PDB file of N, CA and C in Angstrom:
ATOM      1  N   MET A   1     -84.842  45.933  17.412  1.00  0.00           N
ATOM      2  CA  MET A   1     -83.460  45.700  16.423  1.00  0.00           C
ATOM      3  C   MET A   1     -84.191  46.050  14.877  1.00  0.00           C
ATOM      4  N   SER A   2     -83.381  45.729  13.789  1.00  0.00           N
ATOM      5  CA  SER A   2     -83.593  46.260  12.932  1.00  0.00           C
ATOM      6  C   SER A   2     -84.465  45.141  11.645  1.00  0.00           C
ATOM      7  N   LYS A   3     -85.222  45.667  10.842  1.00  0.00           N
ATOM      8  CA  LYS A   3     -85.500  43.970   9.664  1.00  0.00           C
ATOM      9  C   LYS A   3     -84.766  44.556   8.564  1.00  0.00           C
ATOM     10  N   TYR A   4     -84.458  43.245   7.419  1.00  0.00           N
ATOM     11  CA  TYR A   4     -83.627  43.498   7.070  1.00  0.00           C
ATOM     12  C   TYR A   4     -84.070  42.486   6.074  1.00  0.00           C
ATOM     13  N   ILE A   5     -84.196  42.722   4.309  1.00  0.00           N
ATOM     14  CA  ILE A   5     -84.587  41.597   2.829  1.00  0.00           C
ATOM     15  C   ILE A   5     -83.498  42.225   2.090  1.00  0.00           C
ATOM     16  N   LEU A   6     -82.924  40.738   2.413  1.00  0.00           N
ATOM     17  CA  LEU A   6     -81.361  41.009   1.472  1.00  0.00           C
ATOM     18  C   LEU A   6     -81.707  39.808   0.360  1.00  0.00           C
ATOM     19  N   VAL A   7     -81.486  40.302  -1.264  1.00  0.00           N
ATOM     20  CA  VAL A   7     -82.374  40.111  -2.692  1.00  0.00           C
ATOM     21  C   VAL A   7     -81.120  39.717  -3.171  1.00  0.00           C
ATOM     22  N   HIS A   8     -81.427  38.362  -3.722  1.00  0.00           N
ATOM     23  CA  HIS A   8     -79.964  37.431  -4.428  1.00  0.00           C
ATOM     24  C   HIS A   8     -79.797  38.331  -5.847  1.00  0.00           C
ATOM     25  N   GLY A   9     -79.173  37.982  -6.360  1.00  0.00           N
ATOM     26  CA  GLY A   9     -78.614  38.221  -7.624  1.00  0.00           C
ATOM     27  C   GLY A   9     -78.971  37.780  -8.778  1.00  0.00           C
ATOM     28  N   ALA A  10     -78.900  37.349  -9.993  1.00  0.00           N
ATOM     29  CA  ALA A  10     -79.478  36.489 -11.203  1.00  0.00           C
ATOM     30  C   ALA A  10     -78.305  35.466 -10.994  1.00  0.00           C
ATOM     31  N   TRP A  11     -79.591  34.391 -11.272  1.00  0.00           N
ATOM     32  CA  TRP A  11     -79.243  32.842 -11.240  1.00  0.00           C
ATOM     33  C   TRP A  11     -79.125  32.418  -9.661  1.00  0.00           C
ATOM     34  N   ARG A  12     -79.034  33.129  -8.706  1.00  0.00           N
ATOM     35  CA  ARG A  12     -79.035  32.612  -7.237  1.00  0.00           C
ATOM     36  C   ARG A  12     -80.654  32.506  -6.524  1.00  0.00           C
ATOM     37  N   GLY A  13     -80.487  31.748  -5.045  1.00  0.00           N
ATOM     38  CA  GLY A  13     -81.731  31.695  -4.494  1.00  0.00           C
ATOM     39  C   GLY A  13     -81.372  32.508  -2.770  1.00  0.00           C
ATOM     40  N   GLY A  14     -82.491  32.903  -2.466  1.00  0.00           N
ATOM     41  CA  GLY A  14     -82.364  33.129  -0.875  1.00  0.00           C
ATOM     42  C   GLY A  14     -81.383  32.404   0.074  1.00  0.00           C
ATOM     43  N   TRP A  15     -81.243  31.277  -0.528  1.00  0.00           N
ATOM     44  CA  TRP A  15     -80.337  30.493   0.090  1.00  0.00           C
ATOM     45  C   TRP A  15     -78.894  31.483   0.410  1.00  0.00           C
ATOM     46  N   ILE A  16     -78.612  31.986  -0.527  1.00  0.00           N
ATOM     47  CA  ILE A  16     -77.224  32.450  -1.078  1.00  0.00           C
ATOM     48  C   ILE A  16     -76.854  33.282  -0.287  1.00  0.00           C
ATOM     49  N   TRP A  17     -77.730  34.197   0.881  1.00  0.00           N
ATOM     50  CA  TRP A  17     -77.281  34.837   2.093  1.00  0.00           C
ATOM     51  C   TRP A  17     -77.291  34.288   3.615  1.00  0.00           C
ATOM     52  N   LYS A  18     -77.392  33.004   3.325  1.00  0.00           N
ATOM     53  CA  LYS A  18     -77.605  31.795   5.075  1.00  0.00           C
ATOM     54  C   LYS A  18     -76.488  32.337   5.685  1.00  0.00           C
ATOM     55  N   ARG A  19     -75.106  32.608   5.417  1.00  0.00           N
ATOM     56  CA  ARG A  19     -74.126  33.206   6.806  1.00  0.00           C
ATOM     57  C   ARG A  19     -74.278  34.312   6.879  1.00  0.00           C
ATOM     58  N   VAL A  20     -75.001  35.254   5.832  1.00  0.00           N
ATOM     59  CA  VAL A  20     -74.802  36.882   6.341  1.00  0.00           C
ATOM     60  C   VAL A  20     -76.450  36.873   7.043  1.00  0.00           C
ATOM     61  N   ARG A  21     -77.171  36.223   6.820  1.00  0.00           N
ATOM     62  CA  ARG A  21     -78.444  35.942   7.482  1.00  0.00           C
ATOM     63  C   ARG A  21     -78.097  35.314   9.294  1.00  0.00           C
ATOM     64  N   ARG A  22     -77.292  34.334   9.094  1.00  0.00           N
ATOM     65  CA  ARG A  22     -77.191  33.640  10.729  1.00  0.00           C
ATOM     66  C   ARG A  22     -76.477  35.154  11.402  1.00  0.00           C
ATOM     67  N   VAL A  23     -75.597  35.668  11.221  1.00  0.00           N
ATOM     68  CA  VAL A  23     -74.948  36.638  11.663  1.00  0.00           C
ATOM     69  C   VAL A  23     -75.820  37.848  12.154  1.00  0.00           C
ATOM     70  N   LEU A  24     -76.555  38.542  11.126  1.00  0.00           N
ATOM     71  CA  LEU A  24     -77.412  39.244  11.428  1.00  0.00           C
ATOM     72  C   LEU A  24     -78.408  38.615  12.813  1.00  0.00           C
ATOM     73  N   GLN A  25     -78.973  36.968  12.631  1.00  0.00           N
ATOM     74  CA  GLN A  25     -79.964  37.098  13.963  1.00  0.00           C
ATOM     75  C   GLN A  25     -79.369  36.849  14.991  1.00  0.00           C
ATOM     76  N   ALA A  26     -78.452  36.508  15.045  1.00  0.00           N
ATOM     77  CA  ALA A  26     -77.133  36.169  15.970  1.00  0.00           C
ATOM     78  C   ALA A  26     -77.522  38.155  17.137  1.00  0.00           C
ATOM     79  N   GLN A  27     -77.203  39.075  16.056  1.00  0.00           N
ATOM     80  CA  GLN A  27     -78.070  39.941  17.086  1.00  0.00           C
ATOM     81  C   GLN A  27     -78.848  40.886  16.964  1.00  0.00           C
ATOM     82  N   GLY A  28     -79.666  40.175  16.646  1.00  0.00           N
ATOM     83  CA  GLY A  28     -81.395  39.660  17.451  1.00  0.00           C
ATOM     84  C   GLY A  28     -81.856  40.851  15.941  1.00  0.00           C
ATOM     85  N   HIS A  29     -81.561  40.494  14.714  1.00  0.00           N
ATOM     86  CA  HIS A  29     -82.165  41.118  14.081  1.00  0.00           C
ATOM     87  C   HIS A  29     -83.422  40.561  12.910  1.00  0.00           C
ATOM     88  N   GLU A  30     -84.167  40.860  12.230  1.00  0.00           N
ATOM     89  CA  GLU A  30     -84.944  40.113  11.448  1.00  0.00           C
ATOM     90  C   GLU A  30     -84.238  40.501   9.996  1.00  0.00           C
ATOM     91  N   VAL A  31     -85.097  38.631   9.611  1.00  0.00           N
ATOM     92  CA  VAL A  31     -84.274  38.807   8.010  1.00  0.00           C
ATOM     93  C   VAL A  31     -85.033  38.403   7.323  1.00  0.00           C
ATOM     94  N   PHE A  32     -85.193  38.525   6.206  1.00  0.00           N
ATOM     95  CA  PHE A  32     -85.987  37.616   5.039  1.00  0.00           C
ATOM     96  C   PHE A  32     -84.794  37.999   3.778  1.00  0.00           C
ATOM     97  N   THR A  33     -85.353  36.569   3.218  1.00  0.00           N
ATOM     98  CA  THR A  33     -84.145  36.414   2.495  1.00  0.00           C
ATOM     99  C   THR A  33     -84.966  35.589   0.818  1.00  0.00           C
ATOM    100  N   PRO A  34     -85.824  36.074   0.749  1.00  0.00           N
ATOM    101  CA  PRO A  34     -86.575  35.457  -0.392  1.00  0.00           C
ATOM    102  C   PRO A  34     -86.506  34.896  -1.471  1.00  0.00           C
ATOM    103  N   THR A  35     -86.517  34.153  -1.887  1.00  0.00           N
ATOM    104  CA  THR A  35     -86.625  33.652  -3.549  1.00  0.00           C
ATOM    105  C   THR A  35     -86.829  34.438  -4.968  1.00  0.00           C
ATOM    106  N   LEU A  36     -87.030  34.837  -5.481  1.00  0.00           N
ATOM    107  CA  LEU A  36     -87.726  35.693  -6.238  1.00  0.00           C
ATOM    108  C   LEU A  36     -87.941  33.964  -7.715  1.00  0.00           C
ATOM    109  N   THR A  37     -89.561  34.711  -7.989  1.00  0.00           N
ATOM    110  CA  THR A  37     -90.132  33.796  -8.860  1.00  0.00           C
ATOM    111  C   THR A  37     -89.271  33.778 -10.198  1.00  0.00           C
ATOM    112  N   GLY A  38     -89.194  32.322 -10.520  1.00  0.00           N
ATOM    113  CA  GLY A  38     -88.769  32.096 -11.785  1.00  0.00           C
ATOM    114  C   GLY A  38     -87.414  31.284 -11.427  1.00  0.00           C
ATOM    115  N   VAL A  39     -86.566  31.469 -10.483  1.00  0.00           N
ATOM    116  CA  VAL A  39     -84.798  31.109 -10.020  1.00  0.00           C
ATOM    117  C   VAL A  39     -84.784  30.330  -9.489  1.00  0.00           C
ATOM    118  N   ALA A  40     -84.322  29.676  -9.035  1.00  0.00           N
ATOM    119  CA  ALA A  40     -83.207  28.589  -8.042  1.00  0.00           C
ATOM    120  C   ALA A  40     -84.511  27.339  -7.924  1.00  0.00           C
ATOM    121  N   ASP A  41     -84.982  27.836  -6.586  1.00  0.00           N
ATOM    122  CA  ASP A  41     -86.302  26.413  -5.941  1.00  0.00           C
ATOM    123  C   ASP A  41     -87.112  27.327  -6.553  1.00  0.00           C
ATOM    124  N   ARG A  42     -87.737  27.954  -6.899  1.00  0.00           N
ATOM    125  CA  ARG A  42     -88.881  28.364  -7.617  1.00  0.00           C
ATOM    126  C   ARG A  42     -88.887  28.379  -9.175  1.00  0.00           C
ATOM    127  N   ILE A  43     -88.197  27.424  -9.858  1.00  0.00           N
ATOM    128  CA  ILE A  43     -87.317  27.481 -11.400  1.00  0.00           C
ATOM    129  C   ILE A  43     -88.540  27.244 -12.206  1.00  0.00           C
ATOM    130  N   HIS A  44     -89.811  26.275 -11.469  1.00  0.00           N
ATOM    131  CA  HIS A  44     -90.892  25.648 -11.788  1.00  0.00           C
ATOM    132  C   HIS A  44     -92.269  26.994 -12.057  1.00  0.00           C
ATOM    133  N   LEU A  45     -92.084  28.117 -11.645  1.00  0.00           N
ATOM    134  CA  LEU A  45     -92.824  29.225 -12.202  1.00  0.00           C
ATOM    135  C   LEU A  45     -92.093  30.057 -13.088  1.00  0.00           C
ATOM    136  N   SER A  46     -91.178  29.584 -13.410  1.00  0.00           N
ATOM    137  CA  SER A  46     -90.148  30.765 -14.548  1.00  0.00           C
ATOM    138  C   SER A  46     -91.991  30.535 -15.616  1.00  0.00           C
ATOM    139  N   SER A  47     -91.793  31.298 -16.456  1.00  0.00           N
ATOM    140  CA  SER A  47     -92.320  31.422 -17.942  1.00  0.00           C
ATOM    141  C   SER A  47     -91.818  32.999 -18.676  1.00  0.00           C
ATOM    142  N   PRO A  48     -92.373  32.498 -19.606  1.00  0.00           N
ATOM    143  CA  PRO A  48     -91.782  34.172 -20.631  1.00  0.00           C
ATOM    144  C   PRO A  48     -92.544  35.934 -19.701  1.00  0.00           C
ATOM    145  N   ASN A  49     -93.740  35.371 -19.066  1.00  0.00           N
ATOM    146  CA  ASN A  49     -93.798  36.351 -18.480  1.00  0.00           C
ATOM    147  C   ASN A  49     -93.322  36.768 -16.920  1.00  0.00           C
ATOM    148  N   VAL A  50     -92.166  35.904 -16.840  1.00  0.00           N
ATOM    149  CA  VAL A  50     -91.647  36.499 -15.355  1.00  0.00           C
ATOM    150  C   VAL A  50     -90.684  37.366 -15.925  1.00  0.00           C
ATOM    151  N   ASN A  51     -90.373  38.023 -15.495  1.00  0.00           N
ATOM    152  CA  ASN A  51     -89.582  39.588 -15.551  1.00  0.00           C
ATOM    153  C   ASN A  51     -89.702  40.716 -14.409  1.00  0.00           C
ATOM    154  N   LEU A  52     -88.439  41.456 -14.180  1.00  0.00           N
ATOM    155  CA  LEU A  52     -88.423  42.701 -13.367  1.00  0.00           C
ATOM    156  C   LEU A  52     -89.430  43.245 -12.776  1.00  0.00           C
ATOM    157  N   ASP A  53     -90.729  43.170 -13.073  1.00  0.00           N
ATOM    158  CA  ASP A  53     -91.721  43.803 -12.423  1.00  0.00           C
ATOM    159  C   ASP A  53     -92.277  42.497 -11.709  1.00  0.00           C
ATOM    160  N   THR A  54     -92.198  41.722 -11.996  1.00  0.00           N
ATOM    161  CA  THR A  54     -92.509  40.378 -11.352  1.00  0.00           C
ATOM    162  C   THR A  54     -91.340  40.361  -9.800  1.00  0.00           C
ATOM    163  N   HIS A  55     -90.405  39.960 -10.070  1.00  0.00           N
ATOM    164  CA  HIS A  55     -89.433  40.666  -8.894  1.00  0.00           C
ATOM    165  C   HIS A  55     -89.455  41.555  -7.928  1.00  0.00           C
ATOM    166  N   ILE A  56     -90.260  42.955  -8.693  1.00  0.00           N
ATOM    167  CA  ILE A  56     -90.904  44.184  -8.168  1.00  0.00           C
ATOM    168  C   ILE A  56     -91.951  43.802  -6.628  1.00  0.00           C
ATOM    169  N   THR A  57     -92.687  42.795  -7.658  1.00  0.00           N
ATOM    170  CA  THR A  57     -93.866  42.591  -6.700  1.00  0.00           C
ATOM    171  C   THR A  57     -93.661  41.885  -5.440  1.00  0.00           C
ATOM    172  N   ASP A  58     -92.704  40.292  -6.010  1.00  0.00           N
ATOM    173  CA  ASP A  58     -91.883  39.349  -4.848  1.00  0.00           C
ATOM    174  C   ASP A  58     -91.881  40.587  -3.343  1.00  0.00           C
ATOM    175  N   VAL A  59     -91.182  41.128  -3.869  1.00  0.00           N
ATOM    176  CA  VAL A  59     -90.550  41.633  -3.012  1.00  0.00           C
ATOM    177  C   VAL A  59     -91.357  42.940  -2.403  1.00  0.00           C
ATOM    178  N   ALA A  60     -92.512  42.982  -2.945  1.00  0.00           N
ATOM    179  CA  ALA A  60     -93.209  44.009  -2.481  1.00  0.00           C
ATOM    180  C   ALA A  60     -94.482  43.480  -1.656  1.00  0.00           C
ATOM    181  N   ASN A  61     -94.624  42.070  -2.211  1.00  0.00           N
ATOM    182  CA  ASN A  61     -95.578  41.546  -1.391  1.00  0.00           C
ATOM    183  C   ASN A  61     -95.121  41.024  -0.105  1.00  0.00           C
ATOM    184  N   LEU A  62     -93.461  40.792  -0.096  1.00  0.00           N
ATOM    185  CA  LEU A  62     -92.819  40.442   0.831  1.00  0.00           C
ATOM    186  C   LEU A  62     -93.183  41.784   2.030  1.00  0.00           C
ATOM    187  N   ILE A  63     -92.597  42.751   2.014  1.00  0.00           N
ATOM    188  CA  ILE A  63     -93.023  43.807   2.677  1.00  0.00           C
ATOM    189  C   ILE A  63     -94.171  44.087   3.466  1.00  0.00           C
ATOM    190  N   ARG A  64     -95.278  44.220   2.594  1.00  0.00           N
ATOM    191  CA  ARG A  64     -96.772  44.386   2.839  1.00  0.00           C
ATOM    192  C   ARG A  64     -97.134  43.026   4.069  1.00  0.00           C
TER     193      ARG A  64
END
């Protein structure tokens, strides 16, 4: 089966994909729904240094 990484939009978190994740997993797929640094339940990591590069690193590290 396939592997999916579903990335949320602004002001959201990985939880936004809950329903989609369940459907894909029920079909046997592996699904990752990370919450990016500085938003939602990771808001405590927010700082002026968190930007698009940080979010790209979040996803790249997940892939690795």
